Amino acid sequence: MDKKEKIYTILKEAEGVLSGEKISAMLGVSRVSVWKHVKGMVTSGIPIVSSPQGYHLTPDPNSLLPWEFGVWQDHIHHFREISSTMDEATALARQGCPDFTVAVAERQTLGRGRMNRTWFSGDGGLYFTVVVRPDIPIVSASLVNLAAAVAMATILRTLFDIPASLKWPNDILVDEAKICGILSQMETEGDQISHLRIGVGLNVNNSPEVDEPTAVSMKKLVGDHVPRRQILISFLNNFKKQLVNFDADSLIADWRSNNSTIGRHVTITTLRKTVEGKAVDIESDGGLVLQMADGSCETVIHGDCFHI
C-alpha cells in the first residue's frame, strides 16, 4: 500500500480522532508529510475531518474509492470524471487486466447506451464497466448480458424491495420506467472470447427524469439516499457466482420468471430494420422469439426493444 492507503486504513480502524503525531509515528514519516497526504485525500473526495485533536474518517456508504471494497479492492479503478467507463475498460482489457476488473466513475461526460444513444450520467448514479473473461462458447456470449441484468434486478428486489422487471435484451424497469441500462461489447481471439465489457448505468441517487421523463431512480422509489458501494459489491459477488457456475438453462429460467417482455407486443429496431410482433419466448442463446401478424415466428438476436 502507498502512504495514502495506509493513512486511510489507519483512520478506518481507529476509534475516534487520531492525532497527526501518532499517524506519523506509525508510518515513520513527518507530521507535515501526513498533513500533505491527508489534504490530497480530502481533495480527491475522501471524507476526512481535521481538527486540533487530529483526523477522523467519516463513514460514507456512497464512497466508490477502491480502498472501501475489501476483497474487491485491487479490481476497482475509480474516476471522478471520465468520458465513459466503457472506454476506460476497453483500454484496461486490451492491456490484459484480470477477470472482473471494474472501471467506475462518479460522472461520465460521454456516457452511452445501445445504438450510441446518450446515457445521462449525473452525480449520484452508479456508472461502471466490468471486464469479464468467461470460459463459454461465443454463441453463448449474449447470455452474459442476461446474467448481468438478472444479477442487478435480483439485488434491487431482494435488498431494496424494488419491484424490478427485465426488459429484453438488457434493461431493467420499474412499472415501465427505466432504472438501469446495460451495454456489452465483445472482443474475440479466433473462435474464443477474449473478453466482454459489461457497462452498467444504474439510477441511484441522481435525478434522471430531468433529462429522461420515462426514467426513475432508486432514491425516488425508496424515499431516501441509497448506499452505492453496497450495490456494486453485491452485484460483483452475484455476477461472478453466475459466471463461475455458468448454467444457461437456469439463467434463462431466472430471466423468464422476472421479465416484462414476453407476452407483450413489441417493436425491435436495429440499424438496418424494424420488426414488430408479439414476444412469445426466449431461446437458449438469448434470442427473442416474435410471433408475426401472419402467425409465423421470427427470432431476433439484438436490437432495441420497445413495448407497445
Protein backbone atom coordinates (compact mmCIF):
# COMPACT_ATOMS: atom_id res chain seq x y z
CA MET A 1 0.00 0.00 0.00
CA ASP A 2 1.11 3.56 -0.63
CA LYS A 3 1.08 6.19 2.14
CA LYS A 4 -2.46 7.39 1.37
CA GLU A 5 -3.84 3.87 1.52
CA LYS A 6 -2.03 3.28 4.81
CA ILE A 7 -3.42 6.50 6.28
CA TYR A 8 -6.90 5.54 5.13
CA THR A 9 -6.59 2.07 6.70
CA ILE A 10 -5.28 3.53 9.98
CA LEU A 11 -8.14 6.02 10.21
CA LYS A 12 -10.73 3.43 9.25
CA GLU A 13 -9.58 1.09 12.01
CA ALA A 14 -9.17 3.84 14.61
CA GLU A 15 -11.76 4.52 17.29
CA GLY A 16 -12.42 8.24 17.20
CA VAL A 17 -9.93 11.01 16.39
CA LEU A 18 -6.30 10.10 15.74
CA SER A 19 -3.55 12.69 16.09
CA GLY A 20 -1.21 13.55 13.25
CA GLU A 21 1.69 12.81 15.60
CA LYS A 22 0.50 9.25 16.19
CA ILE A 23 -0.09 8.65 12.49
CA SER A 24 3.37 9.98 11.61
CA ALA A 25 4.93 7.64 14.19
CA MET A 26 3.04 4.65 12.79
CA LEU A 27 4.16 5.44 9.25
CA GLY A 28 7.65 6.66 10.05
CA VAL A 29 7.14 9.99 8.28
CA SER A 30 6.87 13.61 9.42
CA ARG A 31 3.63 15.23 10.57
CA VAL A 32 3.93 17.62 7.64
CA SER A 33 4.03 14.65 5.28
CA VAL A 34 0.89 13.24 6.93
CA TRP A 35 -0.84 16.62 6.58
CA LYS A 36 0.03 16.83 2.87
CA HIS A 37 -1.24 13.31 2.22
CA VAL A 38 -4.48 13.97 4.11
CA LYS A 39 -5.01 17.23 2.24
CA GLY A 40 -4.67 15.39 -1.07
CA MET A 41 -7.06 12.68 0.09
CA VAL A 42 -9.69 15.24 1.09
CA THR A 43 -9.31 16.93 -2.30
CA SER A 44 -9.93 13.58 -4.01
CA GLY A 45 -13.19 13.18 -2.11
CA ILE A 46 -12.24 11.09 0.92
CA PRO A 47 -14.34 12.29 3.91
CA ILE A 48 -11.58 13.03 6.46
CA VAL A 49 -12.41 15.65 9.08
CA SER A 50 -9.49 17.64 10.53
CA SER A 51 -9.49 19.23 13.99
CA PRO A 52 -6.91 20.49 16.53
CA GLN A 53 -7.02 16.99 18.04
CA GLY A 54 -6.22 15.21 14.79
CA TYR A 55 -8.06 13.40 12.00
CA HIS A 56 -11.26 11.42 11.80
CA LEU A 57 -12.66 9.40 8.90
CA THR A 58 -16.39 9.87 8.42
CA PRO A 59 -18.14 6.68 7.20
CA ASP A 60 -19.50 7.15 3.68
CA PRO A 61 -21.57 4.30 2.23
CA ASN A 62 -21.63 6.14 -1.09
CA SER A 63 -17.86 6.12 -1.49
CA LEU A 64 -16.61 4.20 -4.52
CA LEU A 65 -12.91 4.53 -3.74
CA PRO A 66 -11.01 1.25 -4.15
CA TRP A 67 -9.90 1.12 -0.50
CA GLU A 68 -13.54 0.71 0.53
CA PHE A 69 -14.10 -2.53 -1.37
CA GLY A 70 -12.38 -5.14 0.78
CA VAL A 71 -11.53 -8.24 -1.27
CA TRP A 72 -12.51 -6.40 -4.46
CA GLN A 73 -10.09 -3.51 -3.82
CA ASP A 74 -7.46 -4.50 -6.39
CA HIS A 75 -10.14 -4.85 -9.08
CA ILE A 76 -11.56 -1.33 -8.74
CA HIS A 77 -10.38 1.60 -10.88
CA HIS A 78 -12.15 4.73 -9.68
CA PHE A 79 -12.51 8.01 -11.59
CA ARG A 80 -14.18 11.24 -10.55
CA GLU A 81 -14.98 12.14 -14.18
CA ILE A 82 -14.15 10.45 -17.48
CA SER A 83 -15.67 10.24 -20.93
CA SER A 84 -17.11 6.77 -20.28
CA THR A 85 -16.30 3.75 -18.16
CA MET A 86 -16.60 1.62 -21.29
CA ASP A 87 -13.70 3.49 -22.93
CA GLU A 88 -11.54 3.07 -19.82
CA ALA A 89 -12.44 -0.62 -19.51
CA THR A 90 -11.54 -1.14 -23.16
CA ALA A 91 -8.04 0.15 -22.52
CA LEU A 92 -7.68 -1.94 -19.36
CA ALA A 93 -8.92 -5.09 -21.12
CA ARG A 94 -6.52 -4.69 -24.04
CA GLN A 95 -3.68 -4.28 -21.55
CA GLY A 96 -4.53 -7.69 -20.12
CA CYS A 97 -6.32 -6.72 -16.92
CA PRO A 98 -7.62 -9.57 -14.71
CA ASP A 99 -11.09 -11.04 -14.88
CA PHE A 100 -13.68 -8.86 -13.13
CA THR A 101 -11.69 -5.64 -13.38
CA VAL A 102 -14.04 -2.68 -12.85
CA ALA A 103 -13.90 0.91 -14.10
CA VAL A 104 -16.30 3.07 -12.09
CA ALA A 105 -16.90 6.82 -12.35
CA GLU A 106 -18.76 9.48 -10.41
CA ARG A 107 -19.62 11.22 -13.68
CA GLN A 108 -19.39 10.44 -17.39
CA THR A 109 -19.19 13.18 -19.98
CA LEU A 110 -19.91 10.83 -22.91
CA GLY A 111 -21.89 8.02 -21.34
CA ARG A 112 -23.73 5.95 -23.93
CA GLY A 113 -26.34 3.27 -24.20
CA ARG A 114 -27.38 0.95 -27.00
CA MET A 115 -27.00 2.17 -30.59
CA ASN A 116 -24.83 5.06 -29.33
CA ARG A 117 -27.68 6.78 -27.53
CA THR A 118 -26.66 9.22 -24.80
CA TRP A 119 -26.77 7.92 -21.23
CA PHE A 120 -27.13 10.89 -18.91
CA SER A 121 -24.65 10.42 -16.08
CA GLY A 122 -25.38 12.93 -13.35
CA ASP A 123 -23.91 12.95 -9.85
CA GLY A 124 -25.27 10.24 -7.58
CA GLY A 125 -25.74 7.48 -10.15
CA LEU A 126 -23.74 4.27 -10.38
CA TYR A 127 -21.80 4.04 -13.64
CA PHE A 128 -19.35 1.20 -14.18
CA THR A 129 -18.00 -1.31 -16.67
CA VAL A 130 -16.74 -4.73 -15.65
CA VAL A 131 -14.32 -6.76 -17.79
CA VAL A 132 -15.03 -10.49 -17.75
CA ARG A 133 -13.29 -13.37 -19.46
CA PRO A 134 -15.85 -16.22 -19.29
CA ASP A 135 -14.95 -19.69 -20.42
CA ILE A 136 -18.03 -20.14 -22.58
CA PRO A 137 -18.65 -20.55 -26.34
CA ILE A 138 -19.03 -17.39 -28.45
CA VAL A 139 -22.60 -18.46 -29.28
CA SER A 140 -23.46 -18.06 -25.59
CA ALA A 141 -21.90 -14.59 -25.23
CA SER A 142 -25.25 -12.78 -25.32
CA LEU A 143 -26.30 -14.72 -22.22
CA VAL A 144 -23.71 -12.77 -20.23
CA ASN A 145 -25.90 -9.69 -20.81
CA LEU A 146 -28.86 -11.54 -19.39
CA ALA A 147 -26.78 -12.72 -16.43
CA ALA A 148 -25.81 -9.14 -15.60
CA ALA A 149 -29.41 -7.98 -15.84
CA VAL A 150 -30.66 -10.86 -13.67
CA ALA A 151 -27.93 -10.17 -11.10
CA MET A 152 -28.80 -6.47 -10.81
CA ALA A 153 -32.57 -6.99 -10.80
CA THR A 154 -32.18 -9.57 -8.03
CA ILE A 155 -30.29 -7.02 -5.92
CA LEU A 156 -32.97 -4.36 -6.45
CA ARG A 157 -35.72 -6.76 -5.43
CA THR A 158 -34.06 -8.54 -2.50
CA LEU A 159 -32.03 -5.75 -0.89
CA PHE A 160 -34.26 -2.74 -1.58
CA ASP A 161 -37.72 -4.20 -2.18
CA ILE A 162 -37.90 -2.53 -5.60
CA PRO A 163 -40.18 -4.46 -8.00
CA ALA A 164 -37.68 -4.58 -10.84
CA SER A 165 -38.54 -6.40 -14.06
CA LEU A 166 -36.37 -7.39 -17.01
CA LYS A 167 -36.93 -5.97 -20.46
CA TRP A 168 -35.23 -7.75 -23.33
CA PRO A 169 -32.39 -7.63 -24.05
CA ASN A 170 -30.81 -5.91 -21.04
CA ASP A 171 -32.84 -3.12 -19.49
CA ILE A 172 -34.36 -3.10 -16.01
CA LEU A 173 -37.72 -1.41 -15.46
CA VAL A 174 -39.95 -0.48 -12.57
CA ASP A 175 -43.56 -0.06 -13.75
CA GLU A 176 -42.26 0.60 -17.28
CA ALA A 177 -39.87 3.34 -16.05
CA LYS A 178 -36.22 2.61 -16.79
CA ILE A 179 -33.98 2.33 -13.75
CA CYS A 180 -30.97 0.54 -15.26
CA GLY A 181 -29.40 0.03 -18.66
CA ILE A 182 -26.74 -2.49 -19.61
CA LEU A 183 -24.44 -2.36 -22.64
CA SER A 184 -21.99 -5.07 -23.69
CA GLN A 185 -19.09 -5.22 -26.10
CA MET A 186 -17.07 -8.29 -27.01
CA GLU A 187 -13.63 -8.97 -28.43
CA THR A 188 -12.58 -12.39 -29.69
CA GLU A 189 -9.43 -14.34 -30.46
CA GLY A 190 -10.14 -16.82 -33.21
CA ASP A 191 -13.18 -18.83 -32.13
CA GLN A 192 -12.85 -17.89 -28.45
CA ILE A 193 -13.97 -14.96 -26.35
CA SER A 194 -11.05 -12.73 -25.38
CA HIS A 195 -13.19 -10.64 -23.07
CA LEU A 196 -16.57 -8.99 -22.64
CA ARG A 197 -17.09 -5.48 -21.33
CA ILE A 198 -20.38 -5.12 -19.47
CA GLY A 199 -21.34 -1.49 -18.94
CA VAL A 200 -23.98 -0.67 -16.33
CA GLY A 201 -25.78 2.60 -15.68
CA LEU A 202 -28.00 2.49 -12.60
CA ASN A 203 -30.09 5.44 -11.42
CA VAL A 204 -29.38 5.52 -7.69
CA ASN A 205 -29.29 8.97 -6.04
CA ASN A 206 -29.35 11.01 -9.25
CA SER A 207 -32.41 12.59 -10.89
CA PRO A 208 -32.64 11.01 -14.36
CA GLU A 209 -36.18 12.26 -15.01
CA VAL A 210 -34.76 15.76 -15.59
CA ASP A 211 -33.30 14.57 -18.92
CA GLU A 212 -35.37 11.43 -19.46
CA PRO A 213 -39.01 11.65 -18.30
CA THR A 214 -39.51 7.89 -18.58
CA ALA A 215 -36.67 7.07 -16.16
CA VAL A 216 -36.74 6.63 -12.38
CA SER A 217 -34.16 6.47 -9.58
CA MET A 218 -33.79 4.24 -6.55
CA LYS A 219 -33.82 7.30 -4.30
CA LYS A 220 -37.23 8.33 -5.58
CA LEU A 221 -38.60 4.82 -5.14
CA VAL A 222 -37.32 4.18 -1.60
CA GLY A 223 -37.58 7.79 -0.41
CA ASP A 224 -34.00 8.07 0.83
CA HIS A 225 -30.37 8.01 -0.25
CA VAL A 226 -29.12 4.57 -1.23
CA PRO A 227 -25.59 3.19 -0.49
CA ARG A 228 -23.98 2.77 -3.91
CA ARG A 229 -21.00 0.74 -2.71
CA GLN A 230 -23.24 -1.98 -1.29
CA ILE A 231 -24.93 -2.27 -4.69
CA LEU A 232 -21.67 -2.62 -6.60
CA ILE A 233 -20.18 -5.17 -4.18
CA SER A 234 -23.40 -7.19 -4.20
CA PHE A 235 -23.54 -7.07 -7.99
CA LEU A 236 -19.95 -8.27 -8.38
CA ASN A 237 -20.48 -11.13 -5.93
CA ASN A 238 -23.74 -12.17 -7.63
CA PHE A 239 -22.48 -11.76 -11.20
CA LYS A 240 -19.24 -13.65 -10.51
CA LYS A 241 -21.18 -16.52 -8.97
CA GLN A 242 -23.34 -16.74 -12.09
CA LEU A 243 -20.38 -16.82 -14.47
CA VAL A 244 -18.19 -19.16 -12.42
CA ASN A 245 -21.10 -21.61 -12.12
CA PHE A 246 -22.49 -20.82 -15.56
CA ASP A 247 -25.75 -22.66 -16.23
CA ALA A 248 -27.53 -21.44 -19.35
CA ASP A 249 -30.80 -23.27 -18.61
CA SER A 250 -31.02 -21.90 -15.07
CA LEU A 251 -30.18 -18.39 -16.28
CA ILE A 252 -32.86 -18.46 -18.97
CA ALA A 253 -35.38 -19.70 -16.39
CA ASP A 254 -34.47 -16.86 -14.00
CA TRP A 255 -34.83 -14.32 -16.79
CA ARG A 256 -38.22 -15.71 -17.89
CA SER A 257 -39.61 -15.62 -14.37
CA ASN A 258 -38.78 -11.93 -13.88
CA ASN A 259 -39.29 -10.38 -17.32
CA SER A 260 -41.90 -7.93 -18.58
CA THR A 261 -41.39 -8.51 -22.33
CA ILE A 262 -42.77 -11.97 -23.06
CA GLY A 263 -46.48 -11.72 -23.79
CA ARG A 264 -46.20 -8.11 -24.97
CA HIS A 265 -46.43 -6.69 -28.46
CA VAL A 266 -43.04 -5.15 -29.21
CA THR A 267 -41.08 -3.32 -31.86
CA ILE A 268 -37.43 -4.31 -32.32
CA THR A 269 -35.22 -1.75 -34.05
CA THR A 270 -31.72 -2.35 -35.40
CA LEU A 271 -29.53 -0.16 -37.56
CA ARG A 272 -30.88 -1.95 -40.63
CA LYS A 273 -34.53 -2.81 -39.99
CA THR A 274 -37.52 -2.73 -37.69
CA VAL A 275 -39.75 -5.70 -36.90
CA GLU A 276 -42.96 -5.86 -34.92
CA GLY A 277 -44.73 -8.78 -33.30
CA LYS A 278 -45.75 -10.45 -30.08
CA ALA A 279 -42.86 -11.64 -27.88
CA VAL A 280 -43.65 -15.27 -27.09
CA ASP A 281 -40.41 -16.77 -25.75
CA ILE A 282 -36.66 -16.51 -25.39
CA GLU A 283 -34.33 -19.09 -26.92
CA SER A 284 -31.34 -20.83 -25.34
CA ASP A 285 -28.93 -18.32 -26.89
CA GLY A 286 -30.91 -15.32 -25.58
CA GLY A 287 -32.70 -14.54 -28.85
CA LEU A 288 -36.26 -13.20 -28.55
CA VAL A 289 -38.95 -15.15 -30.41
CA LEU A 290 -41.61 -12.99 -32.05
CA GLN A 291 -44.93 -14.17 -33.42
CA MET A 292 -45.65 -12.15 -36.52
CA ALA A 293 -49.02 -10.93 -37.78
CA ASP A 294 -49.30 -13.88 -40.21
CA GLY A 295 -48.73 -16.39 -37.40
CA SER A 296 -45.13 -17.21 -38.32
CA CYS A 297 -42.29 -16.86 -35.80
CA GLU A 298 -39.04 -14.95 -36.14
CA THR A 299 -36.13 -14.81 -33.72
CA VAL A 300 -34.25 -11.56 -33.19
CA ILE A 301 -30.85 -11.69 -31.53
CA HIS A 302 -30.16 -8.00 -30.99
CA GLY A 303 -31.73 -4.58 -31.24
CA ASP A 304 -33.63 -2.01 -29.22
CA CYS A 305 -36.92 -3.32 -27.86
CA PHE A 306 -39.94 -1.08 -27.36
CA HIS A 307 -43.03 -2.32 -25.55
CA ILE A 308 -46.20 -1.33 -27.37
